[in-house]
Amino acid sequence: MKNKHNETLKAQKQRDLVYTDYSNRTVNIVKNEKIEEMIRLQNWRPSGVCSISSGELPVIMDSDHYKKSKAVRYSGSTEKQTIQFDDKGNSLYSQSLLFKHITENRKLGICIAGAVVVVNQAGKLRFRYTEHTPAPKNQPFSPLEITTDSQSHILTADNNNACVYIID
């Protein structure tokens, strides 16, 4: 059996496509025009994945009945870290949002959109962003996508207000 961690690192260096299949509960990679299943989940459905500098794959997922959400770092197909609760035992991620997106910042923290939640590399909550300025269309804040730039700013697209927030 091939070492999945080494395959993941190789895939990222080669820029292979890694994606989630919500219906089939899998995280897949496209290599040489063929789809390979990397991870198959039980009782959870993956809704987002990102490639990070360490070669690990953070995956954001929801429980089957949408009552729980969590982020899991994988090394190949091995679960390395689960990030689900803050220090007080409260859920970090909103269960009511069907689509969540995940990215890594330069400080190796994980950022989640759906509700902007940022945790450090150890999985501890750094902060939540809930929009402090008036929204352009005066609609509720609805972060849909998320990414980071080279200066560690977090950029999130607000679906309801048709704008991008840059969080320093």
Protein backbone atom coordinates (compact mmCIF):
# COMPACT_ATOMS: atom_id res chain seq x y z
CA MET A 1 0.00 0.00 0.00
CA LYS A 2 1.32 3.43 -0.90
CA ASN A 3 2.07 5.98 1.80
CA LYS A 4 -0.94 8.35 1.58
CA HIS A 5 0.92 11.22 3.30
CA ASN A 6 3.70 11.14 0.71
CA GLU A 7 1.07 10.90 -2.04
CA THR A 8 -0.66 14.01 -0.65
CA LEU A 9 2.60 15.98 -0.53
CA LYS A 10 3.45 14.86 -4.06
CA ALA A 11 -0.05 15.78 -5.27
CA GLN A 12 0.20 19.27 -3.85
CA LYS A 13 3.60 19.85 -5.43
CA GLN A 14 2.23 18.66 -8.76
CA ARG A 15 -0.92 20.76 -8.29
CA ASP A 16 -3.33 17.85 -8.60
CA LEU A 17 -6.95 18.66 -7.87
CA VAL A 18 -8.31 17.66 -4.45
CA TYR A 19 -12.07 18.01 -3.90
CA THR A 20 -14.93 16.88 -1.67
CA ASP A 21 -17.98 14.91 -2.75
CA TYR A 22 -20.73 15.76 -0.27
CA SER A 23 -23.17 13.09 -1.50
CA ASN A 24 -20.65 10.24 -1.46
CA ARG A 25 -18.93 11.42 1.78
CA THR A 26 -15.49 11.38 0.18
CA VAL A 27 -12.41 13.50 -0.33
CA ASN A 28 -10.93 12.72 -3.73
CA ILE A 29 -7.87 13.56 -5.79
CA VAL A 30 -7.60 13.75 -9.56
CA LYS A 31 -4.28 12.31 -10.70
CA ASN A 32 -3.39 11.61 -14.30
CA GLU A 33 -7.00 12.33 -15.28
CA LYS A 34 -8.29 9.63 -12.89
CA ILE A 35 -10.27 10.15 -9.69
CA GLU A 36 -8.87 8.44 -6.57
CA GLU A 37 -10.71 8.31 -3.27
CA MET A 38 -8.45 9.54 -0.45
CA ILE A 39 -10.89 9.63 2.49
CA ARG A 40 -14.34 8.09 3.03
CA LEU A 41 -16.32 9.43 5.98
CA GLN A 42 -19.03 7.75 8.04
CA ASN A 43 -21.77 9.84 9.68
CA TRP A 44 -20.15 13.02 8.29
CA ARG A 45 -20.29 14.83 4.94
CA PRO A 46 -17.33 16.93 3.73
CA SER A 47 -18.26 20.40 2.48
CA GLY A 48 -14.83 21.90 1.85
CA VAL A 49 -11.12 21.13 1.67
CA CYS A 50 -7.96 23.16 1.13
CA SER A 51 -4.35 22.36 0.44
CA ILE A 52 -1.94 23.79 3.01
CA SER A 53 1.81 24.34 3.21
CA SER A 54 2.47 21.43 5.60
CA GLY A 55 0.99 18.94 3.12
CA GLU A 56 -1.95 18.19 5.37
CA LEU A 57 -5.55 18.54 4.22
CA PRO A 58 -8.02 20.42 6.43
CA VAL A 59 -11.60 19.34 5.71
CA ILE A 60 -14.74 21.07 7.00
CA MET A 61 -17.68 18.70 7.45
CA ASP A 62 -21.22 18.37 8.75
CA SER A 63 -22.89 15.49 10.58
CA ASP A 64 -25.52 13.56 8.65
CA HIS A 65 -28.40 15.46 10.22
CA TYR A 66 -26.64 18.87 10.12
CA LYS A 67 -26.57 19.07 13.92
CA LYS A 68 -22.77 19.24 14.21
CA SER A 69 -19.88 20.68 12.22
CA LYS A 70 -16.13 20.23 12.60
CA ALA A 71 -12.82 20.73 10.85
CA VAL A 72 -10.40 17.82 10.63
CA ARG A 73 -6.74 17.91 9.55
CA TYR A 74 -5.69 14.83 7.60
CA SER A 75 -2.25 13.60 6.71
CA GLY A 76 -3.09 11.43 3.73
CA SER A 77 -6.08 9.44 4.99
CA THR A 78 -5.02 9.62 8.66
CA GLU A 79 -6.94 11.97 10.96
CA LYS A 80 -4.37 14.18 12.75
CA GLN A 81 -6.52 16.79 14.50
CA THR A 82 -10.21 17.47 15.07
CA ILE A 83 -11.34 21.06 15.67
CA GLN A 84 -14.94 21.28 16.82
CA PHE A 85 -15.33 23.08 20.16
CA ASP A 86 -13.94 26.17 21.90
CA ASP A 87 -12.43 26.10 25.41
CA LYS A 88 -15.92 26.29 26.94
CA GLY A 89 -17.27 23.33 24.97
CA ASN A 90 -19.33 25.43 22.56
CA SER A 91 -19.41 24.52 18.89
CA LEU A 92 -17.00 26.66 16.84
CA TYR A 93 -18.94 26.35 13.60
CA SER A 94 -22.55 27.12 12.79
CA GLN A 95 -24.59 24.02 12.14
CA SER A 96 -27.34 25.94 10.36
CA LEU A 97 -25.21 26.80 7.33
CA LEU A 98 -25.15 24.18 4.62
CA PHE A 99 -22.07 25.45 2.79
CA LYS A 100 -18.83 26.13 4.60
CA HIS A 101 -15.47 26.94 3.06
CA ILE A 102 -12.01 26.48 4.54
CA THR A 103 -8.55 27.98 3.99
CA GLU A 104 -5.24 28.36 5.82
CA ASN A 105 -3.55 31.63 6.74
CA ARG A 106 0.21 32.27 6.81
CA LYS A 107 0.30 31.62 10.55
CA LEU A 108 -0.90 28.05 9.86
CA GLY A 109 -4.30 28.77 11.33
CA ILE A 110 -7.52 27.59 9.74
CA CYS A 111 -10.18 30.06 8.60
CA ILE A 112 -13.76 28.96 7.98
CA ALA A 113 -16.46 30.86 6.07
CA GLY A 114 -20.12 30.23 6.64
CA ALA A 115 -19.51 32.22 9.78
CA VAL A 116 -15.96 33.59 9.86
CA VAL A 117 -14.13 31.56 12.50
CA VAL A 118 -10.34 31.55 12.82
CA VAL A 119 -8.43 29.00 14.89
CA ASN A 120 -4.68 28.72 15.44
CA GLN A 121 -2.55 25.73 14.45
CA ALA A 122 -3.39 24.02 17.75
CA GLY A 123 -7.11 24.36 16.98
CA LYS A 124 -7.77 27.06 19.60
CA LEU A 125 -10.22 29.83 18.73
CA ARG A 126 -8.41 33.06 17.77
CA PHE A 127 -11.51 35.07 16.86
CA ARG A 128 -14.89 35.21 15.16
CA TYR A 129 -15.76 37.99 12.75
CA THR A 130 -19.36 39.17 12.74
CA GLU A 131 -19.19 42.41 10.72
CA HIS A 132 -18.71 45.59 12.71
CA THR A 133 -19.32 48.16 9.99
CA PRO A 134 -22.62 48.90 8.26
CA ALA A 135 -23.13 46.57 5.32
CA PRO A 136 -23.53 48.21 1.89
CA LYS A 137 -27.04 46.84 1.31
CA ASN A 138 -27.99 46.75 5.00
CA GLN A 139 -28.54 42.98 4.80
CA PRO A 140 -27.35 40.42 7.38
CA PHE A 141 -23.68 39.41 7.06
CA SER A 142 -23.46 36.21 5.00
CA PRO A 143 -19.86 35.12 4.33
CA LEU A 144 -19.83 32.64 1.48
CA GLU A 145 -16.22 32.17 0.34
CA ILE A 146 -12.92 32.72 2.15
CA THR A 147 -9.25 33.07 1.27
CA THR A 148 -6.12 34.72 2.60
CA ASP A 149 -3.51 36.90 0.92
CA SER A 150 0.28 37.11 1.24
CA GLN A 151 -0.04 39.64 4.08
CA SER A 152 -2.27 37.30 6.16
CA HIS A 153 -5.42 39.33 5.54
CA ILE A 154 -8.58 37.26 5.46
CA LEU A 155 -10.88 38.03 2.54
CA THR A 156 -14.47 36.86 2.64
CA ALA A 157 -17.25 37.43 0.14
CA ASP A 158 -20.52 38.58 1.69
CA ASN A 159 -23.27 37.01 -0.39
CA ASN A 160 -26.13 39.19 0.90
CA ASN A 161 -24.35 42.53 0.50
CA ALA A 162 -22.39 41.83 -2.70
CA CYS A 163 -19.07 42.91 -1.21
CA VAL A 164 -15.74 41.56 0.03
CA TYR A 165 -14.55 42.13 3.60
CA ILE A 166 -10.83 42.34 4.23
CA ILE A 167 -10.06 41.34 7.81
CA ASP A 168 -6.67 42.29 9.24
